[in-house]
Amino acid sequence: MKTLAYGRQWINDDDIAEVVKVLKGDWLTMGPSVEAFEKALADYAGVKHAVTFSSGTAALHGAMHASGMAAGDLAVTTAMTFVATSNSVIYTGAKPIFADIDPDTLCMNPNEAEKIIESNGGRVKAIIPVSFGGYPFDIGAFRKLADKYHAVLIEDASHAWGGDRGNHKIGFDADMTTLSFHPVKHITTAEGGAVLTQNDDYARKLRMFRNHGTTRNPSEFIDKPDGIWHSEMQELGYNYRLSEVHCALGLSQMKRLNEFVDRRREIARLYFRELSGIEGLTLPPDKEGHAWHLYVARVKEELHGQFFEYLRDNDIRLQLHYRPVPLQPYYRKKYGFKAGDFPEAERYYRQAVSLPMFPMMTDDDVLRVTECIKNFRWR
C-alpha cells in the first residue's frame, strides 16, 4: 500500500512544457515570465501590485521592510504560525510580540492582540494576523486595530491563496498580503513567494528590497545619471529575486488555482461527512471561502501520540502545524517566554493533527484515511 503524505505538489505536462520553454529561451532571470506571473497574481486578487520573492519567508521580510519596521519597533502576530512570520520581524531589528489564538478559528484573537498592544503602551508598528490553515478570519477586527494604533496591517496568507472573503479574494483587504509557493501550498514555484498590495510606495520599496536595494528607474534616481547604463543602490537590500524558471511554473499553475482550491474543498466536505460524530475527535472550523491548505483535527490529549503512531503504522503520514512559536528554544531564550503564556495555542498543540490534504488525493485516498481513523481505538 502506498504511503500517503500530508501534502504534495501537482505538476502536469503543461507545467513542465512551460518550464522547458523558458530553459530554451533567452531569459533565466529578470525577464518577461516574472512580469507575467506578477500580473496574473495581481489580477486574480484584484490589486494593483504583486511583487515576487525567492521564498515566502523573503516575501515576509520584504513586507516588514516596506512597512518601515526597524530596531525599537514592535509587531504583534499570532503564537500559532510557522516561525517565518515572527522571524521576519526580527530580521529588521524589531521585536515580535505574540497574541493567543481564538480556539474557534485557530487564528489570532483580536481581543488578545489588543491586550498585548495595550500592555506595550499602545505602541505597535505592524499587526500580522495569519489565515491559519486557509481560514479567512475576520479581517475587519484587525483593520480597526490597525487604524486605532496607526499600524500597518500585513496578512500572512501563505495558507490561503485562492480563498475569499465574500466578494474579495484573499489578498485584497490588508495593506500588504504575503503568499508562499512552497510545494505543499495551493500553487507552487518549487520555492517562492509574493507580496500583494494596492500601495504604490510599498510596491516600489518591495521591488528595490528584493534587488539589492537598487533601481534603474530614472524617476527614482537621487544622483544625476552618468549615462543610459545608470543604476543606483539607494538602500541595503537582498538578492530575493524569483527566477524566470520559477515564474514560468507559477504562471502555469495559476491556470489551475481554482481547480486546486475546488478539489481541496471537496476533500474537506468528504472529511466532514465521514468523521463527524467520532467521540474524542474535534473537526476544524469551517467557513465560507476557506481555502483548506490544512485540514486540522484535534484529538484528545491522552490519545495524541498514539494516534500519530497508529496512522504512521498504516502508511498515512500526518503533520502537526505548529509548535507555538514563543515556546521554541530560541524565543524562550531571547524573550523569556514560558509554558502557560499562551494557553489556547498550547492546548491546541497538544491535540492537533493535520490530515492529508492535497488536490491529487482521490476519494478513495480520503476514505482510506477516514476508515483508518474510525478503526482507531478511541477508548
Protein backbone atom coordinates (compact mmCIF):
# COMPACT_ATOMS: atom_id res chain seq x y z
CA MET A 1 0.00 0.00 0.00
CA LYS A 2 1.36 3.41 -0.98
CA THR A 3 2.41 5.86 1.70
CA LEU A 4 0.03 8.81 1.82
CA ALA A 5 1.76 12.12 2.61
CA TYR A 6 0.02 15.01 4.34
CA GLY A 7 0.66 17.24 1.31
CA ARG A 8 2.38 17.37 -2.07
CA GLN A 9 2.60 19.32 -5.31
CA TRP A 10 0.71 18.56 -8.54
CA ILE A 11 2.88 19.12 -11.61
CA ASN A 12 1.47 18.21 -15.03
CA ASP A 13 2.86 18.11 -18.56
CA ASP A 14 1.76 21.68 -19.29
CA ASP A 15 3.76 22.91 -16.29
CA ILE A 16 6.82 21.03 -17.50
CA ALA A 17 6.44 22.37 -21.04
CA GLU A 18 6.32 25.97 -19.80
CA VAL A 19 9.47 25.49 -17.74
CA VAL A 20 11.29 23.85 -20.65
CA LYS A 21 10.26 26.74 -22.90
CA VAL A 22 11.99 29.17 -20.54
CA LEU A 23 15.07 26.96 -20.25
CA LYS A 24 15.38 27.05 -24.04
CA GLY A 25 14.76 30.79 -24.23
CA ASP A 26 16.84 33.91 -23.73
CA TRP A 27 15.93 34.80 -20.13
CA LEU A 28 16.55 32.80 -16.97
CA THR A 29 16.10 35.70 -14.57
CA MET A 30 14.63 39.23 -14.53
CA GLY A 31 12.64 38.66 -17.71
CA PRO A 32 9.09 38.54 -19.08
CA SER A 33 7.89 35.48 -17.11
CA VAL A 34 8.37 37.38 -13.85
CA GLU A 35 6.23 40.26 -15.08
CA ALA A 36 3.57 37.90 -16.46
CA PHE A 37 3.36 35.90 -13.23
CA GLU A 38 3.13 39.04 -11.12
CA LYS A 39 0.33 40.35 -13.35
CA ALA A 40 -1.57 37.05 -13.03
CA LEU A 41 -1.28 37.19 -9.22
CA ALA A 42 -2.37 40.83 -9.02
CA ASP A 43 -5.28 40.35 -11.42
CA TYR A 44 -6.53 37.32 -9.50
CA ALA A 45 -6.57 39.20 -6.19
CA GLY A 46 -7.87 42.42 -7.74
CA VAL A 47 -4.92 44.52 -6.57
CA LYS A 48 -2.52 46.88 -8.33
CA HIS A 49 0.74 45.19 -7.44
CA ALA A 50 2.22 41.74 -6.91
CA VAL A 51 5.94 41.57 -6.17
CA THR A 52 7.52 38.12 -6.31
CA PHE A 53 10.26 36.89 -3.98
CA SER A 54 12.52 33.87 -3.75
CA SER A 55 10.50 32.35 -0.88
CA GLY A 56 7.52 33.04 1.32
CA THR A 57 9.95 33.99 4.08
CA ALA A 58 11.68 36.51 1.81
CA ALA A 59 8.25 37.95 0.97
CA LEU A 60 7.51 38.38 4.67
CA HIS A 61 10.89 40.05 5.19
CA GLY A 62 10.15 42.38 2.29
CA ALA A 63 6.76 43.32 3.73
CA MET A 64 8.30 44.10 7.12
CA HIS A 65 10.91 46.29 5.44
CA ALA A 66 8.33 48.10 3.29
CA SER A 67 6.28 48.85 6.40
CA GLY A 68 9.25 50.81 7.75
CA MET A 69 9.89 48.41 10.60
CA ALA A 70 13.23 48.93 12.33
CA ALA A 71 15.08 48.50 15.60
CA GLY A 72 12.94 49.50 18.56
CA ASP A 73 9.63 48.83 16.80
CA LEU A 74 7.08 46.19 17.86
CA ALA A 75 4.88 43.98 15.71
CA VAL A 76 2.12 41.72 17.02
CA THR A 77 1.38 38.34 15.47
CA THR A 78 -0.14 35.03 16.45
CA ALA A 79 1.52 32.48 18.70
CA MET A 80 0.30 29.78 16.28
CA THR A 81 2.15 30.11 12.99
CA PHE A 82 5.29 28.96 11.24
CA VAL A 83 8.39 30.62 12.67
CA ALA A 84 8.96 32.62 9.46
CA THR A 85 6.18 35.07 10.35
CA SER A 86 7.82 36.36 13.50
CA ASN A 87 11.39 35.70 12.34
CA SER A 88 10.85 38.23 9.57
CA VAL A 89 10.15 40.88 12.21
CA ILE A 90 13.42 40.09 13.96
CA TYR A 91 15.33 40.35 10.65
CA THR A 92 14.53 44.09 10.63
CA GLY A 93 15.81 44.59 14.19
CA ALA A 94 12.27 44.95 15.53
CA LYS A 95 10.65 42.78 18.21
CA PRO A 96 7.69 40.42 17.73
CA ILE A 97 5.05 40.28 20.43
CA PHE A 98 2.52 37.46 20.42
CA ALA A 99 -1.20 37.09 20.98
CA ASP A 100 -3.03 33.87 21.77
CA ILE A 101 -5.43 32.23 19.33
CA ASP A 102 -9.19 32.08 19.19
CA PRO A 103 -9.93 28.37 19.83
CA ASP A 104 -12.89 28.52 17.43
CA THR A 105 -10.89 29.74 14.42
CA LEU A 106 -7.28 28.86 15.39
CA CYS A 107 -6.33 32.34 14.15
CA MET A 108 -5.04 35.24 16.23
CA ASN A 109 -7.66 36.51 18.66
CA PRO A 110 -8.10 40.26 18.01
CA ASN A 111 -9.07 40.88 21.64
CA GLU A 112 -5.84 39.22 22.80
CA ALA A 113 -3.92 41.23 20.21
CA GLU A 114 -5.31 44.47 21.61
CA LYS A 115 -4.45 43.42 25.15
CA ILE A 116 -0.81 42.80 24.28
CA ILE A 117 -0.63 46.07 22.32
CA GLU A 118 -2.06 47.98 25.28
CA SER A 119 0.36 46.27 27.66
CA ASN A 120 3.13 47.70 25.49
CA GLY A 121 1.78 51.23 25.76
CA GLY A 122 -0.24 51.10 22.54
CA ARG A 123 2.97 51.13 20.55
CA VAL A 124 2.94 48.79 17.54
CA LYS A 125 4.32 49.19 14.02
CA ALA A 126 2.52 46.30 12.35
CA ILE A 127 -0.29 43.85 13.03
CA ILE A 128 0.29 40.49 11.33
CA PRO A 129 -2.62 38.04 11.51
CA VAL A 130 -2.25 34.65 9.81
CA SER A 131 -5.06 33.00 7.86
CA PHE A 132 -4.23 29.70 9.56
CA GLY A 133 -4.95 26.58 7.54
CA GLY A 134 -6.64 28.72 4.90
CA TYR A 135 -9.35 30.05 7.23
CA PRO A 136 -10.48 33.55 6.10
CA PHE A 137 -10.52 35.24 9.50
CA ASP A 138 -12.50 38.42 10.17
CA ILE A 139 -10.05 40.98 8.89
CA GLY A 140 -12.36 43.84 9.84
CA ALA A 141 -11.48 43.43 13.52
CA PHE A 142 -7.79 43.77 12.69
CA ARG A 143 -8.39 46.72 10.39
CA LYS A 144 -10.00 48.53 13.32
CA LEU A 145 -6.95 47.77 15.46
CA ALA A 146 -4.56 48.91 12.74
CA ASP A 147 -6.45 52.19 12.33
CA LYS A 148 -6.67 52.72 16.10
CA TYR A 149 -2.93 52.23 16.68
CA HIS A 150 -1.73 53.65 13.34
CA ALA A 151 -0.18 50.30 12.41
CA VAL A 152 0.40 48.62 9.07
CA LEU A 153 -1.87 45.60 8.54
CA ILE A 154 0.04 42.70 6.98
CA GLU A 155 -1.83 39.45 6.35
CA ASP A 156 0.28 36.32 6.22
CA ALA A 157 -1.87 34.41 3.72
CA SER A 158 0.65 31.66 3.00
CA HIS A 159 -2.12 29.13 3.75
CA ALA A 160 -4.95 30.90 1.97
CA TRP A 161 -4.20 31.70 -1.67
CA GLY A 162 -7.37 31.08 -3.67
CA GLY A 163 -9.67 31.63 -0.69
CA ASP A 164 -12.04 34.56 -0.39
CA ARG A 165 -13.94 36.87 1.92
CA GLY A 166 -17.29 37.38 0.23
CA ASN A 167 -16.70 39.34 -2.97
CA HIS A 168 -12.98 39.78 -2.27
CA LYS A 169 -10.24 37.29 -2.92
CA ILE A 170 -7.64 36.78 -0.22
CA GLY A 171 -5.00 39.43 -0.87
CA PHE A 172 -7.36 42.36 -1.30
CA ASP A 173 -8.08 43.51 2.25
CA ALA A 174 -4.78 44.13 4.05
CA ASP A 175 -2.19 46.85 3.42
CA MET A 176 0.13 44.04 2.31
CA THR A 177 -0.58 40.33 1.93
CA THR A 178 2.18 37.73 1.76
CA LEU A 179 1.99 34.43 -0.12
CA SER A 180 4.06 31.26 -0.24
CA PHE A 181 4.54 28.97 -3.24
CA HIS A 182 6.18 26.08 -1.39
CA PRO A 183 5.32 22.65 -2.93
CA VAL A 184 2.54 21.88 -0.43
CA LYS A 185 0.80 25.24 -0.96
CA HIS A 186 -2.08 25.96 -3.35
CA ILE A 187 0.23 26.60 -6.29
CA THR A 188 3.96 26.02 -6.37
CA THR A 189 7.01 27.58 -7.96
CA ALA A 190 9.19 24.98 -6.12
CA GLU A 191 10.19 27.74 -3.71
CA GLY A 192 8.87 31.27 -3.93
CA GLY A 193 6.57 33.88 -2.52
CA ALA A 194 4.95 37.22 -3.24
CA VAL A 195 3.57 40.35 -1.62
CA LEU A 196 0.26 41.82 -2.83
CA THR A 197 -0.59 45.47 -2.27
CA GLN A 198 -2.60 48.40 -3.57
CA ASN A 199 0.02 50.84 -2.34
CA ASP A 200 2.45 52.23 -4.94
CA ASP A 201 5.08 53.19 -2.36
CA TYR A 202 5.07 49.75 -0.73
CA ALA A 203 5.44 48.15 -4.16
CA ARG A 204 8.41 50.38 -5.01
CA LYS A 205 10.14 49.55 -1.72
CA LEU A 206 9.47 45.84 -2.18
CA ARG A 207 10.98 45.79 -5.68
CA MET A 208 14.10 47.59 -4.55
CA PHE A 209 14.47 45.44 -1.46
CA ARG A 210 14.44 42.18 -3.42
CA ASN A 211 17.10 43.51 -5.82
CA HIS A 212 19.96 44.63 -3.56
CA GLY A 213 18.28 47.97 -2.82
CA THR A 214 18.91 49.14 -6.39
CA THR A 215 16.80 50.87 -9.00
CA ARG A 216 17.11 51.56 -12.74
CA ASN A 217 14.03 53.77 -12.82
CA PRO A 218 15.10 57.32 -13.82
CA SER A 219 12.17 58.85 -11.90
CA GLU A 220 13.64 57.42 -8.67
CA PHE A 221 17.27 58.49 -9.16
CA ILE A 222 18.95 60.60 -6.50
CA ASP A 223 22.12 61.33 -8.48
CA LYS A 224 22.36 62.80 -11.95
CA PRO A 225 22.64 59.84 -14.36
CA ASP A 226 26.10 59.12 -15.74
CA GLY A 227 24.60 57.60 -18.89
CA ILE A 228 21.96 55.19 -20.12
CA TRP A 229 23.60 52.47 -18.02
CA HIS A 230 22.97 54.34 -14.77
CA SER A 231 21.58 52.48 -11.76
CA GLU A 232 21.65 53.30 -8.06
CA MET A 233 21.82 51.40 -4.81
CA GLN A 234 19.76 53.58 -2.50
CA GLU A 235 19.34 51.28 0.50
CA LEU A 236 20.52 47.93 1.81
CA GLY A 237 18.58 45.18 0.10
CA TYR A 238 18.90 41.48 -0.67
CA ASN A 239 19.02 39.17 -3.65
CA TYR A 240 15.49 37.88 -3.16
CA ARG A 241 14.52 37.68 -6.83
CA LEU A 242 12.42 34.82 -8.20
CA SER A 243 13.79 33.39 -11.45
CA GLU A 244 12.12 33.08 -14.85
CA VAL A 245 12.05 29.31 -14.41
CA HIS A 246 10.15 29.53 -11.14
CA CYS A 247 7.76 32.13 -12.53
CA ALA A 248 7.02 30.06 -15.64
CA LEU A 249 5.96 27.21 -13.38
CA GLY A 250 3.90 29.56 -11.22
CA LEU A 251 2.19 31.14 -14.23
CA SER A 252 1.21 27.70 -15.50
CA GLN A 253 -0.01 26.66 -12.06
CA MET A 254 -2.17 29.78 -11.79
CA LYS A 255 -4.32 28.43 -14.63
CA ARG A 256 -5.41 25.63 -12.29
CA LEU A 257 -5.61 27.52 -8.99
CA ASN A 258 -9.42 27.49 -8.88
CA GLU A 259 -9.42 23.80 -9.74
CA PHE A 260 -6.95 23.10 -6.93
CA VAL A 261 -8.99 25.05 -4.37
CA ASP A 262 -12.26 23.44 -5.50
CA ARG A 263 -10.74 19.99 -5.03
CA ARG A 264 -9.45 20.88 -1.57
CA ARG A 265 -12.95 21.97 -0.64
CA GLU A 266 -14.37 18.67 -1.92
CA ILE A 267 -11.87 16.75 0.20
CA ALA A 268 -12.81 18.83 3.26
CA ARG A 269 -16.51 18.07 2.66
CA LEU A 270 -15.70 14.36 2.48
CA TYR A 271 -13.73 14.51 5.72
CA PHE A 272 -16.60 16.30 7.45
CA ARG A 273 -19.10 13.76 6.17
CA GLU A 274 -17.09 10.71 7.21
CA LEU A 275 -15.59 11.90 10.50
CA SER A 276 -18.47 13.76 12.15
CA GLY A 277 -19.63 12.31 15.44
CA ILE A 278 -16.46 10.46 16.48
CA GLU A 279 -16.09 10.91 20.23
CA GLY A 280 -12.61 12.18 21.02
CA LEU A 281 -12.11 13.83 17.62
CA THR A 282 -12.83 17.53 17.07
CA LEU A 283 -13.07 18.67 13.46
CA PRO A 284 -11.67 22.01 12.26
CA PRO A 285 -13.60 25.26 11.97
CA ASP A 286 -15.41 25.73 8.69
CA LYS A 287 -16.26 28.96 6.93
CA GLU A 288 -17.40 30.07 3.51
CA GLY A 289 -14.34 31.00 1.46
CA HIS A 290 -11.96 28.64 3.30
CA ALA A 291 -9.00 27.66 1.10
CA TRP A 292 -8.20 24.41 3.00
CA HIS A 293 -4.44 24.37 2.88
CA LEU A 294 -4.70 22.26 6.03
CA TYR A 295 -7.41 20.07 7.46
CA VAL A 296 -6.53 20.24 11.15
CA ALA A 297 -8.45 17.99 13.54
CA ARG A 298 -7.95 17.75 17.30
CA VAL A 299 -7.52 14.50 19.21
CA LYS A 300 -7.87 14.04 22.97
CA GLU A 301 -4.52 14.78 24.58
CA GLU A 302 -4.14 11.32 26.13
CA LEU A 303 -4.52 9.75 22.66
CA HIS A 304 -2.50 12.26 20.66
CA GLY A 305 0.80 10.39 20.37
CA GLN A 306 -0.89 7.03 19.87
CA PHE A 307 -2.99 8.48 17.05
CA PHE A 308 0.08 9.70 15.15
CA GLU A 309 1.82 6.35 15.56
CA TYR A 310 -1.27 4.38 14.55
CA LEU A 311 -1.72 6.24 11.26
CA ARG A 312 2.02 6.12 10.56
CA ASP A 313 1.92 2.35 11.03
CA ASN A 314 -0.83 2.32 8.39
CA ASP A 315 1.35 4.33 5.96
CA ILE A 316 -0.56 7.57 6.47
CA ARG A 317 1.72 10.48 7.30
CA LEU A 318 0.23 13.21 9.46
CA GLN A 319 1.83 16.53 10.37
CA LEU A 320 1.50 18.95 13.27
CA HIS A 321 1.13 22.65 12.49
CA TYR A 322 2.66 24.09 14.69
CA ARG A 323 4.50 24.21 17.97
CA PRO A 324 3.69 27.64 19.44
CA VAL A 325 6.42 29.96 18.25
CA PRO A 326 7.10 31.61 21.64
CA LEU A 327 7.87 28.17 23.12
CA GLN A 328 10.60 27.41 20.59
CA PRO A 329 14.02 27.35 22.34
CA TYR A 330 15.27 30.44 20.50
CA TYR A 331 12.27 32.53 21.57
CA ARG A 332 12.31 31.27 25.15
CA LYS A 333 15.98 32.18 25.47
CA LYS A 334 15.77 35.54 23.71
CA TYR A 335 12.49 36.85 25.16
CA GLY A 336 11.83 34.77 28.26
CA PHE A 337 8.57 33.12 27.17
CA LYS A 338 7.48 30.09 29.18
CA ALA A 339 4.85 27.36 29.20
CA GLY A 340 1.46 28.75 30.17
CA ASP A 341 1.90 32.13 28.47
CA PHE A 342 -0.41 31.18 25.57
CA PRO A 343 -2.90 28.66 26.97
CA GLU A 344 -5.14 28.28 23.90
CA ALA A 345 -2.24 27.82 21.47
CA GLU A 346 -0.58 25.37 23.86
CA ARG A 347 -3.79 23.37 24.32
CA TYR A 348 -4.22 23.22 20.56
CA TYR A 349 -0.62 22.00 20.12
CA ARG A 350 -1.22 19.08 22.49
CA GLN A 351 -4.19 17.95 20.38
CA ALA A 352 -3.61 18.97 16.76
CA VAL A 353 -3.23 16.67 13.76
CA SER A 354 -3.06 17.77 10.11
CA LEU A 355 -4.69 15.10 7.97
CA PRO A 356 -3.58 14.52 4.35
CA MET A 357 -4.89 17.33 2.16
CA PHE A 358 -3.79 17.93 -1.43
CA PRO A 359 -5.63 18.08 -4.78
CA MET A 360 -4.16 14.85 -6.19
CA MET A 361 -5.87 12.85 -3.44
CA THR A 362 -8.62 10.64 -4.78
CA ASP A 363 -11.87 9.99 -2.94
CA ASP A 364 -10.52 6.51 -2.23
CA ASP A 365 -7.44 8.08 -0.61
CA VAL A 366 -9.66 10.18 1.63
CA LEU A 367 -11.84 7.21 2.53
CA ARG A 368 -8.72 5.21 3.33
CA VAL A 369 -7.75 7.90 5.86
CA THR A 370 -11.23 8.15 7.36
CA GLU A 371 -11.66 4.37 7.63
CA CYS A 372 -8.33 4.12 9.41
CA ILE A 373 -9.38 6.88 11.82
CA LYS A 374 -12.69 5.16 12.51
CA ASN A 375 -10.83 1.94 13.36
CA PHE A 376 -8.53 3.69 15.85
CA ARG A 377 -9.07 2.57 19.45
CA TRP A 378 -10.75 5.72 20.76
CA ARG A 379 -11.30 4.34 24.26
